[in-house]
Amino acid sequence: MIQFNEKDMVNDYLEAINASLTEYSNYIAHADNEQLRQTLIQLRNADEVRQRTIYQYAIQKGYYQPASPANPNEIQQIKSQLSQPQ
């Protein structure tokens, strides 16, 4: 029998919420019915709040190590590239 410790459970839950947020984006983009679209947006927003709470808990407990901050010059370079007309 496999036993999960708290760290495994938190990371698994965080991974599942992150995956659901990606799926919500896909469903929202393709929803033709406005009522369905708004419901999906509300569900996604609730999951974003939940994801942030779990993310902060995982960092506080040392279960998750975020990537180091991006260099401001790299951020500006990417912004410039993305804002150029195609």
N, C-alpha and C. Protein backbone atom coordinates (compact mmCIF):
# COMPACT_ATOMS: atom_id res chain seq x y z
N MET A 1 0.83 -1.17 0.00
CA MET A 1 0.00 0.00 0.00
C MET A 1 0.89 1.24 0.00
N ILE A 2 0.59 2.17 -0.90
CA ILE A 2 1.36 3.40 -1.00
C ILE A 2 0.81 4.41 0.00
N GLN A 3 1.73 5.02 0.74
CA GLN A 3 1.34 6.04 1.70
C GLN A 3 1.92 7.37 1.27
N PHE A 4 1.08 8.39 1.25
CA PHE A 4 1.53 9.73 0.91
C PHE A 4 1.76 10.52 2.19
N ASN A 5 2.84 11.28 2.18
CA ASN A 5 3.04 12.21 3.28
C ASN A 5 2.42 13.55 2.90
N GLU A 6 2.44 14.50 3.82
CA GLU A 6 1.79 15.78 3.57
C GLU A 6 2.40 16.49 2.36
N LYS A 7 3.71 16.46 2.25
CA LYS A 7 4.38 17.11 1.13
C LYS A 7 3.89 16.55 -0.20
N ASP A 8 3.81 15.24 -0.32
CA ASP A 8 3.33 14.61 -1.54
C ASP A 8 1.89 15.01 -1.86
N MET A 9 1.05 15.04 -0.83
CA MET A 9 -0.35 15.40 -1.03
C MET A 9 -0.49 16.85 -1.48
N VAL A 10 0.25 17.75 -0.84
CA VAL A 10 0.18 19.17 -1.20
C VAL A 10 0.66 19.37 -2.63
N ASN A 11 1.79 18.77 -2.99
CA ASN A 11 2.32 18.92 -4.34
C ASN A 11 1.40 18.28 -5.38
N ASP A 12 0.80 17.15 -5.05
CA ASP A 12 -0.14 16.50 -5.97
C ASP A 12 -1.37 17.38 -6.18
N TYR A 13 -1.89 17.94 -5.11
CA TYR A 13 -3.05 18.82 -5.19
C TYR A 13 -2.73 20.07 -6.00
N LEU A 14 -1.57 20.65 -5.76
CA LEU A 14 -1.14 21.84 -6.49
C LEU A 14 -1.02 21.52 -7.98
N GLU A 15 -0.46 20.39 -8.30
CA GLU A 15 -0.31 19.97 -9.70
C GLU A 15 -1.68 19.78 -10.35
N ALA A 16 -2.62 19.20 -9.63
CA ALA A 16 -3.97 18.98 -10.16
C ALA A 16 -4.70 20.30 -10.40
N ILE A 17 -4.57 21.24 -9.48
CA ILE A 17 -5.21 22.55 -9.66
C ILE A 17 -4.59 23.27 -10.86
N ASN A 18 -3.29 23.21 -10.99
CA ASN A 18 -2.63 23.86 -12.13
C ASN A 18 -3.13 23.27 -13.45
N ALA A 19 -3.29 21.96 -13.50
CA ALA A 19 -3.81 21.31 -14.71
C ALA A 19 -5.24 21.75 -14.99
N SER A 20 -6.05 21.86 -13.94
CA SER A 20 -7.45 22.27 -14.16
C SER A 20 -7.53 23.70 -14.66
N LEU A 21 -6.63 24.57 -14.21
CA LEU A 21 -6.62 25.95 -14.69
C LEU A 21 -6.32 26.00 -16.19
N THR A 22 -5.43 25.16 -16.64
CA THR A 22 -5.13 25.08 -18.07
C THR A 22 -6.36 24.61 -18.85
N GLU A 23 -7.02 23.61 -18.33
CA GLU A 23 -8.22 23.09 -18.99
C GLU A 23 -9.34 24.13 -19.03
N TYR A 24 -9.53 24.85 -17.93
CA TYR A 24 -10.56 25.90 -17.93
C TYR A 24 -10.30 26.90 -19.05
N SER A 25 -9.06 27.29 -19.25
CA SER A 25 -8.74 28.25 -20.32
C SER A 25 -9.17 27.71 -21.67
N ASN A 26 -8.90 26.44 -21.91
CA ASN A 26 -9.30 25.84 -23.19
C ASN A 26 -10.81 25.81 -23.34
N TYR A 27 -11.50 25.41 -22.30
CA TYR A 27 -12.96 25.33 -22.37
C TYR A 27 -13.59 26.71 -22.54
N ILE A 28 -13.08 27.69 -21.81
CA ILE A 28 -13.61 29.05 -21.89
C ILE A 28 -13.43 29.60 -23.31
N ALA A 29 -12.27 29.37 -23.88
CA ALA A 29 -11.99 29.88 -25.22
C ALA A 29 -12.93 29.30 -26.26
N HIS A 30 -13.43 28.10 -26.03
CA HIS A 30 -14.27 27.43 -27.02
C HIS A 30 -15.75 27.40 -26.66
N ALA A 31 -16.12 27.97 -25.54
CA ALA A 31 -17.52 27.94 -25.11
C ALA A 31 -18.33 28.94 -25.94
N ASP A 32 -19.35 28.45 -26.62
CA ASP A 32 -20.22 29.30 -27.44
C ASP A 32 -21.38 29.85 -26.62
N ASN A 33 -21.80 29.08 -25.63
CA ASN A 33 -22.91 29.48 -24.78
C ASN A 33 -22.39 30.44 -23.70
N GLU A 34 -22.94 31.66 -23.65
CA GLU A 34 -22.42 32.68 -22.73
C GLU A 34 -22.62 32.29 -21.27
N GLN A 35 -23.73 31.65 -20.94
CA GLN A 35 -23.97 31.22 -19.56
C GLN A 35 -22.94 30.17 -19.14
N LEU A 36 -22.67 29.23 -20.01
CA LEU A 36 -21.64 28.22 -19.73
C LEU A 36 -20.28 28.89 -19.58
N ARG A 37 -19.98 29.82 -20.47
CA ARG A 37 -18.70 30.52 -20.42
C ARG A 37 -18.52 31.24 -19.09
N GLN A 38 -19.56 31.95 -18.63
CA GLN A 38 -19.48 32.67 -17.36
C GLN A 38 -19.33 31.73 -16.17
N THR A 39 -20.01 30.59 -16.24
CA THR A 39 -19.88 29.59 -15.17
C THR A 39 -18.45 29.05 -15.12
N LEU A 40 -17.88 28.77 -16.27
CA LEU A 40 -16.50 28.28 -16.33
C LEU A 40 -15.52 29.33 -15.81
N ILE A 41 -15.77 30.58 -16.12
CA ILE A 41 -14.92 31.67 -15.63
C ILE A 41 -14.99 31.75 -14.10
N GLN A 42 -16.19 31.61 -13.54
CA GLN A 42 -16.34 31.64 -12.08
C GLN A 42 -15.62 30.45 -11.44
N LEU A 43 -15.74 29.29 -12.04
CA LEU A 43 -15.04 28.10 -11.50
C LEU A 43 -13.53 28.28 -11.59
N ARG A 44 -13.06 28.82 -12.72
CA ARG A 44 -11.63 29.06 -12.87
C ARG A 44 -11.12 30.05 -11.84
N ASN A 45 -11.89 31.13 -11.62
CA ASN A 45 -11.48 32.15 -10.65
C ASN A 45 -11.38 31.55 -9.24
N ALA A 46 -12.33 30.69 -8.89
CA ALA A 46 -12.29 30.04 -7.57
C ALA A 46 -11.06 29.14 -7.46
N ASP A 47 -10.75 28.41 -8.54
CA ASP A 47 -9.56 27.56 -8.52
C ASP A 47 -8.28 28.37 -8.47
N GLU A 48 -8.27 29.56 -9.08
CA GLU A 48 -7.07 30.41 -9.00
C GLU A 48 -6.82 30.85 -7.56
N VAL A 49 -7.88 31.17 -6.83
CA VAL A 49 -7.74 31.55 -5.42
C VAL A 49 -7.24 30.34 -4.63
N ARG A 50 -7.82 29.19 -4.87
CA ARG A 50 -7.42 27.95 -4.19
C ARG A 50 -5.96 27.61 -4.51
N GLN A 51 -5.57 27.78 -5.77
CA GLN A 51 -4.21 27.48 -6.19
C GLN A 51 -3.22 28.37 -5.46
N ARG A 52 -3.55 29.65 -5.36
CA ARG A 52 -2.65 30.59 -4.70
C ARG A 52 -2.49 30.26 -3.21
N THR A 53 -3.58 29.87 -2.58
CA THR A 53 -3.54 29.50 -1.16
C THR A 53 -2.65 28.28 -0.95
N ILE A 54 -2.83 27.25 -1.78
CA ILE A 54 -2.01 26.03 -1.66
C ILE A 54 -0.56 26.33 -2.01
N TYR A 55 -0.34 27.16 -3.02
CA TYR A 55 1.01 27.55 -3.42
C TYR A 55 1.75 28.22 -2.26
N GLN A 56 1.08 29.17 -1.60
CA GLN A 56 1.70 29.87 -0.48
C GLN A 56 1.96 28.92 0.69
N TYR A 57 1.04 28.00 0.93
CA TYR A 57 1.22 27.01 1.99
C TYR A 57 2.43 26.12 1.68
N ALA A 58 2.53 25.68 0.43
CA ALA A 58 3.64 24.81 0.04
C ALA A 58 4.98 25.53 0.20
N ILE A 59 5.05 26.79 -0.16
CA ILE A 59 6.29 27.55 0.00
C ILE A 59 6.61 27.72 1.48
N GLN A 60 5.60 28.07 2.28
CA GLN A 60 5.79 28.27 3.71
C GLN A 60 6.34 27.00 4.38
N LYS A 61 5.83 25.84 3.98
CA LYS A 61 6.25 24.57 4.57
C LYS A 61 7.56 24.05 3.98
N GLY A 62 8.04 24.69 2.91
CA GLY A 62 9.26 24.22 2.25
C GLY A 62 9.00 23.06 1.31
N TYR A 63 7.75 22.85 0.91
CA TYR A 63 7.39 21.76 0.01
C TYR A 63 7.60 22.12 -1.45
N TYR A 64 7.70 23.41 -1.72
CA TYR A 64 7.82 23.87 -3.10
C TYR A 64 8.84 24.98 -3.15
N GLN A 65 9.73 24.91 -4.12
CA GLN A 65 10.75 25.94 -4.30
C GLN A 65 10.48 26.63 -5.64
N PRO A 66 10.01 27.89 -5.60
CA PRO A 66 9.73 28.57 -6.86
C PRO A 66 11.02 28.86 -7.63
N ALA A 67 10.86 29.07 -8.91
CA ALA A 67 12.00 29.43 -9.75
C ALA A 67 12.54 30.78 -9.30
N SER A 68 13.81 31.01 -9.54
CA SER A 68 14.38 32.30 -9.17
C SER A 68 13.78 33.39 -10.06
N PRO A 69 13.70 34.61 -9.52
CA PRO A 69 13.09 35.70 -10.27
C PRO A 69 13.80 35.96 -11.61
N ALA A 70 13.02 36.35 -12.59
CA ALA A 70 13.58 36.66 -13.90
C ALA A 70 14.36 37.97 -13.85
N ASN A 71 15.36 38.05 -14.66
CA ASN A 71 16.16 39.26 -14.79
C ASN A 71 15.31 40.35 -15.46
N PRO A 72 15.27 41.57 -14.90
CA PRO A 72 14.46 42.65 -15.49
C PRO A 72 14.78 42.92 -16.97
N ASN A 73 16.05 42.77 -17.35
CA ASN A 73 16.42 42.97 -18.76
C ASN A 73 15.78 41.90 -19.65
N GLU A 74 15.75 40.66 -19.16
CA GLU A 74 15.12 39.58 -19.93
C GLU A 74 13.62 39.82 -20.05
N ILE A 75 13.00 40.30 -18.98
CA ILE A 75 11.57 40.59 -19.01
C ILE A 75 11.28 41.65 -20.06
N GLN A 76 12.06 42.71 -20.07
CA GLN A 76 11.86 43.78 -21.04
C GLN A 76 12.06 43.28 -22.46
N GLN A 77 13.05 42.44 -22.66
CA GLN A 77 13.32 41.90 -24.00
C GLN A 77 12.13 41.06 -24.49
N ILE A 78 11.59 40.24 -23.62
CA ILE A 78 10.44 39.41 -23.99
C ILE A 78 9.22 40.28 -24.27
N LYS A 79 9.00 41.29 -23.44
CA LYS A 79 7.87 42.21 -23.66
C LYS A 79 8.00 42.87 -25.03
N SER A 80 9.19 43.29 -25.36
CA SER A 80 9.41 43.95 -26.67
C SER A 80 9.14 42.98 -27.81
N GLN A 81 9.59 41.76 -27.67
CA GLN A 81 9.37 40.76 -28.72
C GLN A 81 7.89 40.46 -28.88
N LEU A 82 7.18 40.36 -27.79
CA LEU A 82 5.76 40.03 -27.86
C LEU A 82 4.89 41.18 -28.34
N SER A 83 5.36 42.40 -28.17
CA SER A 83 4.55 43.55 -28.58
C SER A 83 4.81 43.95 -30.04
N GLN A 84 5.78 43.33 -30.68
CA GLN A 84 6.04 43.64 -32.09
C GLN A 84 4.96 43.01 -32.95
N PRO A 85 4.49 43.77 -33.97
CA PRO A 85 3.48 43.20 -34.87
C PRO A 85 4.04 42.01 -35.63
N GLN A 86 3.18 41.07 -35.85
CA GLN A 86 3.60 39.84 -36.57
C GLN A 86 3.60 40.04 -38.05
